[in-house]
Structures are given as C-alpha cells and as structure tokens.
C-alpha atoms as a PDB file:
ATOM      1  CA  MET A   1     -11.664   8.517   9.695  1.00  0.00           C
ATOM      2  CA  SER A   2      -9.573   6.610   7.226  1.00  0.00           C
ATOM      3  CA  GLU A   3      -6.766   8.392   5.423  1.00  0.00           C
ATOM      4  CA  LYS A   4      -7.724   6.973   2.056  1.00  0.00           C
ATOM      5  CA  ASN A   5     -10.127   4.668   0.326  1.00  0.00           C
ATOM      6  CA  ASN A   6      -8.515   1.852  -1.652  1.00  0.00           C
ATOM      7  CA  SER A   7     -11.786   0.503  -3.055  1.00  0.00           C
ATOM      8  CA  SER A   8     -14.063   2.283  -5.478  1.00  0.00           C
ATOM      9  CA  SER A   9     -17.123   0.104  -4.927  1.00  0.00           C
ATOM     10  CA  GLU A  10     -18.499  -2.626  -2.724  1.00  0.00           C
ATOM     11  CA  GLU A  11     -17.506  -6.118  -3.861  1.00  0.00           C
ATOM     12  CA  ARG A  12     -18.794  -9.542  -3.038  1.00  0.00           C
ATOM     13  CA  PRO A  13     -16.433 -11.987  -1.297  1.00  0.00           C
ATOM     14  CA  ASN A  14     -13.939 -13.598  -3.714  1.00  0.00           C
ATOM     15  CA  GLN A  15     -15.217 -11.491  -6.622  1.00  0.00           C
ATOM     16  CA  ARG A  16     -12.496  -9.748  -8.591  1.00  0.00           C
ATOM     17  CA  PRO A  17     -13.084  -5.980  -8.488  1.00  0.00           C
ATOM     18  CA  ARG A  18     -12.969  -4.026 -11.713  1.00  0.00           C
ATOM     19  CA  ILE A  19     -12.031  -0.401 -12.197  1.00  0.00           C
ATOM     20  CA  SER A  20     -12.370   2.067 -15.039  1.00  0.00           C
ATOM     21  CA  LEU A  21      -9.579   2.129 -17.612  1.00  0.00           C
ATOM     22  CA  THR A  22      -7.471   5.212 -18.082  1.00  0.00           C
ATOM     23  CA  SER A  23      -7.509   4.614 -21.821  1.00  0.00           C
ATOM     24  CA  SER A  24     -11.312   4.880 -21.878  1.00  0.00           C
ATOM     25  CA  ILE A  25     -11.594   8.262 -20.121  1.00  0.00           C
ATOM     26  CA  PRO A  26     -13.399  10.618 -22.559  1.00  0.00           C
ATOM     27  CA  ILE A  27     -12.064  13.889 -21.148  1.00  0.00           C
ATOM     28  CA  HIS A  28      -8.703  13.883 -19.407  1.00  0.00           C
ATOM     29  CA  ASN A  29      -7.265  16.248 -16.813  1.00  0.00           C
ATOM     30  CA  TYR A  30      -3.640  16.779 -15.810  1.00  0.00           C
ATOM     31  CA  TYR A  31      -3.572  13.817 -13.432  1.00  0.00           C
ATOM     32  CA  THR A  32      -5.151  11.286 -15.783  1.00  0.00           C
ATOM     33  CA  GLN A  33      -2.802  12.371 -18.569  1.00  0.00           C
ATOM     34  CA  ALA A  34       0.339  12.370 -16.425  1.00  0.00           C
ATOM     35  CA  ILE A  35       0.208   8.657 -15.597  1.00  0.00           C
ATOM     36  CA  ASP A  36       0.909   7.777 -19.243  1.00  0.00           C
ATOM     37  CA  GLY A  37       2.578  11.032 -20.140  1.00  0.00           C
ATOM     38  CA  GLU A  38       4.940  13.042 -17.958  1.00  0.00           C
ATOM     39  CA  PHE A  39       5.515  10.218 -15.472  1.00  0.00           C
ATOM     40  CA  ARG A  40       5.138   7.210 -17.778  1.00  0.00           C
ATOM     41  CA  ASP A  41       8.549   5.767 -16.842  1.00  0.00           C
ATOM     42  CA  TYR A  42       7.619   5.824 -13.149  1.00  0.00           C
ATOM     43  CA  SER A  43       3.848   5.294 -13.097  1.00  0.00           C
ATOM     44  CA  PHE A  44       1.794   2.460 -14.548  1.00  0.00           C
ATOM     45  CA  ASN A  45      -1.886   2.471 -15.370  1.00  0.00           C
ATOM     46  CA  GLU A  46      -4.149  -0.486 -14.586  1.00  0.00           C
ATOM     47  CA  GLU A  47      -3.378  -2.158 -17.924  1.00  0.00           C
ATOM     48  CA  ARG A  48       0.401  -1.783 -17.902  1.00  0.00           C
ATOM     49  CA  ALA A  49       0.957  -2.489 -14.204  1.00  0.00           C
ATOM     50  CA  PRO A  50       0.248  -6.267 -14.185  1.00  0.00           C
ATOM     51  CA  LEU A  51       2.608  -6.729 -17.146  1.00  0.00           C
ATOM     52  CA  ASN A  52       5.432  -6.103 -14.670  1.00  0.00           C
ATOM     53  CA  GLN A  53       4.619  -9.202 -12.617  1.00  0.00           C
ATOM     54  CA  GLY A  54       7.871 -11.112 -12.097  1.00  0.00           C
ATOM     55  CA  LYS A  55       9.840  -8.350 -13.858  1.00  0.00           C
ATOM     56  CA  TRP A  56       9.996  -5.549 -11.295  1.00  0.00           C
ATOM     57  CA  ARG A  57      13.711  -5.976 -10.694  1.00  0.00           C
ATOM     58  CA  SER A  58      14.886  -6.956 -14.166  1.00  0.00           C
ATOM     59  CA  GLU A  59      12.818  -4.609 -16.341  1.00  0.00           C
ATOM     60  CA  VAL A  60      11.340  -1.852 -14.173  1.00  0.00           C
ATOM     61  CA  PHE A  61      14.091  -1.000 -11.682  1.00  0.00           C
ATOM     62  CA  LYS A  62      16.802  -2.718 -13.743  1.00  0.00           C
ATOM     63  CA  ILE A  63      18.641  -3.963 -10.691  1.00  0.00           C
ATOM     64  CA  SER A  64      19.980  -7.300  -9.438  1.00  0.00           C
ATOM     65  CA  ALA A  65      17.861 -10.032  -7.880  1.00  0.00           C
ATOM     66  CA  GLU A  66      19.324  -9.218  -4.430  1.00  0.00           C
ATOM     67  CA  TYR A  67      18.032  -5.640  -4.441  1.00  0.00           C
ATOM     68  CA  PRO A  68      15.079  -5.307  -2.000  1.00  0.00           C
ATOM     69  CA  ILE A  69      11.795  -3.883  -3.257  1.00  0.00           C
ATOM     70  CA  ASP A  70       9.157  -2.735  -0.759  1.00  0.00           C
ATOM     71  CA  LEU A  71       5.465  -2.102  -1.322  1.00  0.00           C
ATOM     72  CA  GLU A  72       3.085   0.531   0.015  1.00  0.00           C
ATOM     73  CA  ILE A  73      -0.578  -0.248  -0.558  1.00  0.00           C
ATOM     74  CA  GLY A  74      -2.610   2.952  -0.696  1.00  0.00           C
ATOM     75  CA  THR A  75      -0.112   5.818  -0.846  1.00  0.00           C
ATOM     76  CA  GLY A  76      -2.655   8.570  -0.197  1.00  0.00           C
ATOM     77  CA  ASN A  77      -0.960  11.956  -0.555  1.00  0.00           C
ATOM     78  CA  GLY A  78       2.410  10.222  -0.639  1.00  0.00           C
ATOM     79  CA  THR A  79       4.190  11.498   2.471  1.00  0.00           C
ATOM     80  CA  HIS A  80       5.194   8.046   3.732  1.00  0.00           C
ATOM     81  CA  PHE A  81       5.885   6.798   0.207  1.00  0.00           C
ATOM     82  CA  GLN A  82       8.276   9.676  -0.393  1.00  0.00           C
ATOM     83  CA  HIS A  83       9.836   9.253   3.048  1.00  0.00           C
ATOM     84  CA  ARG A  84      10.639   5.596   2.375  1.00  0.00           C
ATOM     85  CA  ALA A  85      12.096   6.352  -1.054  1.00  0.00           C
ATOM     86  CA  LEU A  86      14.312   9.166   0.212  1.00  0.00           C
ATOM     87  CA  THR A  87      15.530   7.604   3.456  1.00  0.00           C
ATOM     88  CA  SER A  88      16.164   4.140   1.975  1.00  0.00           C
ATOM     89  CA  PRO A  89      17.812   4.750  -1.408  1.00  0.00           C
ATOM     90  CA  GLU A  90      19.267   1.240  -1.266  1.00  0.00           C
ATOM     91  CA  ARG A  91      15.728  -0.187  -1.545  1.00  0.00           C
ATOM     92  CA  GLY A  92      13.142   0.181  -4.271  1.00  0.00           C
ATOM     93  CA  ILE A  93       9.545   1.016  -3.401  1.00  0.00           C
ATOM     94  CA  VAL A  94       6.382   0.404  -5.395  1.00  0.00           C
ATOM     95  CA  GLY A  95       3.215   2.246  -4.467  1.00  0.00           C
ATOM     96  CA  VAL A  96      -0.327   1.175  -5.277  1.00  0.00           C
ATOM     97  CA  GLU A  97      -3.042   3.824  -5.400  1.00  0.00           C
ATOM     98  CA  LEU A  98      -6.423   3.932  -7.119  1.00  0.00           C
ATOM     99  CA  LYS A  99      -7.091   7.663  -7.330  1.00  0.00           C
ATOM    100  CA  TYR A 100      -5.267   9.676  -9.969  1.00  0.00           C
ATOM    101  CA  LYS A 101      -4.502  12.856  -8.041  1.00  0.00           C
ATOM    102  CA  PRO A 102      -2.813  11.287  -4.986  1.00  0.00           C
ATOM    103  CA  LEU A 103      -1.051   8.814  -7.271  1.00  0.00           C
ATOM    104  CA  ILE A 104       0.571  11.578  -9.291  1.00  0.00           C
ATOM    105  CA  GLN A 105       1.249  13.670  -6.185  1.00  0.00           C
ATOM    106  CA  SER A 106       3.026  10.705  -4.628  1.00  0.00           C
ATOM    107  CA  ILE A 107       5.386   9.951  -7.513  1.00  0.00           C
ATOM    108  CA  ARG A 108       5.868  13.584  -8.545  1.00  0.00           C
ATOM    109  CA  GLY A 109       6.904  14.534  -5.027  1.00  0.00           C
ATOM    110  CA  ALA A 110       9.342  11.639  -4.783  1.00  0.00           C
ATOM    111  CA  LEU A 111      10.990  12.498  -8.094  1.00  0.00           C
ATOM    112  CA  ARG A 112      11.198  16.228  -7.372  1.00  0.00           C
ATOM    113  CA  LYS A 113      12.939  15.458  -4.086  1.00  0.00           C
ATOM    114  CA  GLY A 114      15.537  13.397  -5.927  1.00  0.00           C
ATOM    115  CA  ALA A 115      14.330   9.827  -5.438  1.00  0.00           C
ATOM    116  CA  LYS A 116      15.333   7.409  -8.202  1.00  0.00           C
ATOM    117  CA  ASN A 117      13.982   4.269  -6.560  1.00  0.00           C
ATOM    118  CA  ALA A 118      10.205   4.871  -6.615  1.00  0.00           C
ATOM    119  CA  ARG A 119       7.506   3.531  -8.922  1.00  0.00           C
ATOM    120  CA  ILE A 120       3.717   3.638  -8.596  1.00  0.00           C
ATOM    121  CA  CYS A 121       0.713   1.811 -10.052  1.00  0.00           C
ATOM    122  CA  ARG A 122      -2.938   2.634 -10.496  1.00  0.00           C
ATOM    123  CA  TYR A 123      -4.480  -0.643  -9.425  1.00  0.00           C
ATOM    124  CA  HIS A 124      -7.180  -2.083  -7.204  1.00  0.00           C
ATOM    125  CA  ALA A 125      -5.613  -3.274  -3.964  1.00  0.00           C
ATOM    126  CA  MET A 126      -7.905  -6.302  -3.889  1.00  0.00           C
ATOM    127  CA  ASN A 127      -6.080  -7.571  -6.990  1.00  0.00           C
ATOM    128  CA  ILE A 128      -2.631  -7.162  -5.467  1.00  0.00           C
ATOM    129  CA  ASP A 129      -1.670 -10.773  -6.178  1.00  0.00           C
ATOM    130  CA  LEU A 130      -1.812 -10.046  -9.918  1.00  0.00           C
ATOM    131  CA  LEU A 131       0.946  -7.431  -9.691  1.00  0.00           C
ATOM    132  CA  PHE A 132       3.762  -9.500  -8.188  1.00  0.00           C
ATOM    133  CA  ALA A 133       5.202 -12.978  -8.524  1.00  0.00           C
ATOM    134  CA  LYS A 134       5.922 -15.303  -5.619  1.00  0.00           C
ATOM    135  CA  ASN A 135       8.705 -13.979  -3.357  1.00  0.00           C
ATOM    136  CA  GLU A 136       9.069 -10.846  -5.506  1.00  0.00           C
ATOM    137  CA  ILE A 137       8.714  -8.153  -2.835  1.00  0.00           C
ATOM    138  CA  ASN A 138      10.106  -7.459   0.603  1.00  0.00           C
ATOM    139  CA  ASP A 139       8.497  -5.222   3.228  1.00  0.00           C
ATOM    140  CA  VAL A 140       4.846  -4.147   2.968  1.00  0.00           C
ATOM    141  CA  TYR A 141       3.194  -1.017   4.398  1.00  0.00           C
ATOM    142  CA  ILE A 142      -0.576  -0.675   4.815  1.00  0.00           C
ATOM    143  CA  HIS A 143      -1.525   2.606   6.456  1.00  0.00           C
ATOM    144  CA  PHE A 144      -5.081   3.751   7.204  1.00  0.00           C
ATOM    145  CA  PRO A 145      -7.117   1.805   4.642  1.00  0.00           C
ATOM    146  CA  ASP A 146     -10.860   2.317   4.544  1.00  0.00           C
ATOM    147  CA  PRO A 147     -12.200   0.687   7.765  1.00  0.00           C
ATOM    148  CA  TRP A 148     -15.628  -0.182   6.297  1.00  0.00           C
ATOM    149  CA  VAL A 149     -17.361   0.134   9.671  1.00  0.00           C
ATOM    150  CA  THR A 150     -20.938   0.386   8.398  1.00  0.00           C
ATOM    151  CA  PRO A 151     -23.136  -2.737   8.654  1.00  0.00           C
ATOM    152  CA  ARG A 152     -22.231  -5.670   6.379  1.00  0.00           C
ATOM    153  CA  LYS A 153     -19.142  -3.887   5.071  1.00  0.00           C
ATOM    154  CA  PRO A 154     -16.346  -5.878   6.800  1.00  0.00           C
ATOM    155  CA  ARG A 155     -16.249  -8.154   3.763  1.00  0.00           C
ATOM    156  CA  ASN A 156     -14.649  -5.233   1.852  1.00  0.00           C
ATOM    157  CA  ARG A 157     -11.816  -4.753   4.331  1.00  0.00           C
ATOM    158  CA  PHE A 158      -8.404  -5.073   2.742  1.00  0.00           C
ATOM    159  CA  VAL A 159      -6.577  -6.538   5.735  1.00  0.00           C
ATOM    160  CA  CYS A 160      -8.263  -9.931   5.781  1.00  0.00           C
ATOM    161  CA  LYS A 161      -7.054 -13.519   5.670  1.00  0.00           C
ATOM    162  CA  ARG A 162      -7.542 -13.904   1.919  1.00  0.00           C
ATOM    163  CA  VAL A 163      -5.419 -10.869   1.065  1.00  0.00           C
ATOM    164  CA  LEU A 164      -2.847 -11.626   3.763  1.00  0.00           C
ATOM    165  CA  ASP A 165      -2.382 -15.094   2.286  1.00  0.00           C
ATOM    166  CA  TRP A 166      -1.622 -13.452  -1.074  1.00  0.00           C
ATOM    167  CA  LEU A 167       0.837 -11.043   0.520  1.00  0.00           C
ATOM    168  CA  TRP A 168       2.553 -13.927   2.281  1.00  0.00           C
ATOM    169  CA  GLU A 169       3.138 -15.616  -1.077  1.00  0.00           C
ATOM    170  CA  ILE A 170       4.578 -12.556  -2.830  1.00  0.00           C
ATOM    171  CA  GLN A 171       6.841 -11.520   0.074  1.00  0.00           C
ATOM    172  CA  GLN A 172      10.335 -12.874   0.545  1.00  0.00           C
ATOM    173  CA  PRO A 173      11.149 -14.749   3.783  1.00  0.00           C
ATOM    174  CA  ASP A 174      12.028 -12.552   6.784  1.00  0.00           C
ATOM    175  CA  SER A 175      10.089  -9.610   5.324  1.00  0.00           C
ATOM    176  CA  LYS A 176       7.849  -7.489   7.545  1.00  0.00           C
ATOM    177  CA  LEU A 177       4.331  -6.154   7.111  1.00  0.00           C
ATOM    178  CA  ASP A 178       3.240  -3.005   8.968  1.00  0.00           C
ATOM    179  CA  PHE A 179      -0.451  -2.190   9.369  1.00  0.00           C
ATOM    180  CA  LYS A 180      -1.836   0.829  11.194  1.00  0.00           C
ATOM    181  CA  THR A 181      -5.297   2.271  11.453  1.00  0.00           C
ATOM    182  CA  ASP A 182      -7.251   4.806  13.476  1.00  0.00           C
ATOM    183  CA  SER A 183     -10.241   2.411  13.622  1.00  0.00           C
ATOM    184  CA  ARG A 184     -10.197   0.259  16.764  1.00  0.00           C
ATOM    185  CA  GLU A 185     -13.103  -1.797  15.426  1.00  0.00           C
ATOM    186  CA  TYR A 186     -11.241  -2.579  12.206  1.00  0.00           C
ATOM    187  CA  PHE A 187      -8.002  -3.346  14.013  1.00  0.00           C
ATOM    188  CA  LEU A 188      -9.535  -5.872  16.429  1.00  0.00           C
ATOM    189  CA  TRP A 189     -11.361  -7.520  13.555  1.00  0.00           C
ATOM    190  CA  ALA A 190      -8.151  -7.622  11.496  1.00  0.00           C
ATOM    191  CA  MET A 191      -6.183  -9.177  14.353  1.00  0.00           C
ATOM    192  CA  GLU A 192      -8.616 -12.108  14.361  1.00  0.00           C
ATOM    193  CA  GLN A 193      -7.956 -12.523  10.656  1.00  0.00           C
ATOM    194  CA  ILE A 194      -4.194 -12.215  11.128  1.00  0.00           C
ATOM    195  CA  ARG A 195      -4.109 -14.980  13.708  1.00  0.00           C
ATOM    196  CA  GLU A 196      -5.467 -17.358  11.069  1.00  0.00           C
ATOM    197  CA  THR A 197      -2.516 -16.709   8.727  1.00  0.00           C
ATOM    198  CA  LYS A 198       1.100 -17.923   8.638  1.00  0.00           C
ATOM    199  CA  TYR A 199       2.462 -14.553   9.748  1.00  0.00           C
ATOM    200  CA  LYS A 200       4.254 -14.181  13.054  1.00  0.00           C
ATOM    201  CA  ILE A 201       2.949 -11.260  15.130  1.00  0.00           C
ATOM    202  CA  GLU A 202       6.133  -9.431  16.067  1.00  0.00           C
ATOM    203  CA  PHE A 203       4.555  -6.439  17.790  1.00  0.00           C
ATOM    204  CA  GLU A 204       1.039  -5.098  18.345  1.00  0.00           C
ATOM    205  CA  THR A 205      -0.385  -2.134  20.204  1.00  0.00           C
ATOM    206  CA  LEU A 206      -3.615  -0.206  20.544  1.00  0.00           C
ATOM    207  CA  ASN A 207      -1.677   3.031  21.020  1.00  0.00           C
ATOM    208  CA  LEU A 208       1.300   3.320  18.696  1.00  0.00           C
ATOM    209  CA  HIS A 209       2.341   6.773  19.886  1.00  0.00           C
ATOM    210  CA  ALA A 210       2.664   5.560  23.485  1.00  0.00           C
ATOM    211  CA  SER A 211       4.527   2.384  22.528  1.00  0.00           C
ATOM    212  CA  PRO A 212       8.218   1.491  22.073  1.00  0.00           C
ATOM    213  CA  MET A 213       7.637   1.810  18.311  1.00  0.00           C
ATOM    214  CA  ALA A 214       6.808   5.505  18.590  1.00  0.00           C
ATOM    215  CA  ALA A 215      10.410   6.659  18.180  1.00  0.00           C
ATOM    216  CA  ASP A 216      10.752   4.979  14.780  1.00  0.00           C
ATOM    217  CA  ASN A 217       7.259   5.770  13.530  1.00  0.00           C
ATOM    218  CA  PHE A 218       6.846   8.135  10.598  1.00  0.00           C
ATOM    219  CA  ALA A 219       3.573   9.978  11.155  1.00  0.00           C
ATOM    220  CA  THR A 220       1.696  11.057   8.061  1.00  0.00           C
ATOM    221  CA  GLN A 221      -0.237  14.300   7.804  1.00  0.00           C
ATOM    222  CA  PHE A 222      -3.522  12.548   8.503  1.00  0.00           C
ATOM    223  CA  GLU A 223      -2.025  10.547  11.349  1.00  0.00           C
ATOM    224  CA  ASN A 224      -1.011  13.786  13.049  1.00  0.00           C
ATOM    225  CA  ILE A 225      -4.559  15.075  12.640  1.00  0.00           C
ATOM    226  CA  PHE A 226      -5.935  11.926  14.268  1.00  0.00           C
ATOM    227  CA  THR A 227      -3.572  12.142  17.234  1.00  0.00           C
ATOM    228  CA  ARG A 228      -4.332  15.834  17.793  1.00  0.00           C
ATOM    229  CA  GLN A 229      -7.965  14.787  18.026  1.00  0.00           C
ATOM    230  CA  GLY A 230      -7.047  12.298  20.738  1.00  0.00           C
ATOM    231  CA  ILE A 231      -7.515   9.244  18.531  1.00  0.00           C
ATOM    232  CA  GLU A 232      -5.181   6.375  19.356  1.00  0.00           C
ATOM    233  CA  ILE A 233      -3.388   4.713  16.452  1.00  0.00           C
ATOM    234  CA  ASN A 234      -3.557   0.927  16.320  1.00  0.00           C
ATOM    235  CA  PHE A 235      -0.493  -0.842  14.923  1.00  0.00           C
ATOM    236  CA  VAL A 236       0.785  -4.340  14.242  1.00  0.00           C
ATOM    237  CA  ARG A 237       4.033  -5.575  12.710  1.00  0.00           C
ATOM    238  CA  LEU A 238       3.995  -8.998  11.130  1.00  0.00           C
ATOM    239  CA  ARG A 239       6.910 -11.097   9.949  1.00  0.00           C
ATOM    240  CA  LYS A 240       7.116 -13.778   7.307  1.00  0.00           C
ATOM    241  CA  THR A 241       9.400 -16.288   9.003  1.00  0.00           C
END
C-alpha cells in the first residue's frame, strides 16, 4: 500500500545500488527530456545531482549559509513537496525521486504555483549520503516509502539504522525528521532500528489522524485514500539534538 517505490531493484546489504543513466536512454519521452531540458535549472539527473554536494546553498540556491534547506525523500506525485515549498518560502526544499514522471510533476507543479525555492534530483535514495555534505540540510521528510513486506525484503527498507546514521550526519543540529507509513509491520520494524540511532524520539503514534499531530499534518492524496479505507497512519518525529 505504499505511496511510492524509492528502489528500482533488490539490493544486498551495504551494496551501493545503481540506476540507469538518463544520458543513455535510447528513446526519450517528455519526462526524460525535461529533466535536462525545460527544468534543467531546477532538476538534476543522477550524474549532475551529486556534483552539488556541499554546494546546495552557494551554487544551487545561491543563498547564505544561514538559509535552511529541507529534504523530501521520495516526492511521489509532489503534493507535499509543493506544499512545503509554497507555505515555507523562507526555506529551500530539495526533493529526491527515482521515477521521471513524478519527478517532473513535482517540480513543474511547484514552479507553476510560483515557488522559487524548490529543486529536485533523480537519485537512488539508498545513496542519499552522496548528495549532501555533513550538516548541509535541515528537516527531512520520508512519507510512505516502499514497505518491503514480502519475505526477506526488510533489508531493502529505506528507514533503517544505516541510512538514519547517514541522515544524522548530513542534518544540522536541532533538525527534525518525519517518517510516516501505512504499513504497521514496517513501522514497528523501523522503530527498533530508530532506537539504535542517535536520534531523539520526539513523538510517535500508530494513528496519526487521531493524535495531537493531526491538526498540523498535511495529508497527501494517497494518504487520504488510505484513511478512507480505514487504514491507520503510523508516524514518528525524530530530532537531532
């Protein structure tokens, strides 16, 4: 029931995943062309994206070192990504998405609605540490990643200790990390992983929409579908103290 799949293939533990290169696509469509064409100044393919490591403020956003930059991992159709960009113009936001169509939909929608503070990358989420330098980003949003609930698949889950340790390093102190999922199995497994990290658990619930966080929650299109089906949304907010 996941909203999006951030991994294109099963990977072995600690093995760096590889993805196809945009430059090697034999026949392009609108979405594969747009990443290096119409939206080149705002979207980065898998080869250009890591070149921004340590330079997101100075060369990409062209703002001061004090300007906060948030990260959404797996933008899906971009509703939350666009919401963050439009409601927090004083903060930059970088999205990471693997699939071309939702990637372009995410950044195109943000730009058409007037956002100037949004950028997006085509990149494998399991290589997230290669995109940012230590202490380079602020808040992180991880919404409905693939739960990998079939046998022997938990090793592919994005929210795990190894990845959380990377996120800890690239986040600035006092930054938050929000994770929500419709998979109870994934969430309980992830909480065991989280408790082995340096993050402080600021808030957790097995039913976000019946919790004190409900009033401030932005529900995506897929999240609304889940709740109409009676599926409870699991949520945790972490803090790098």
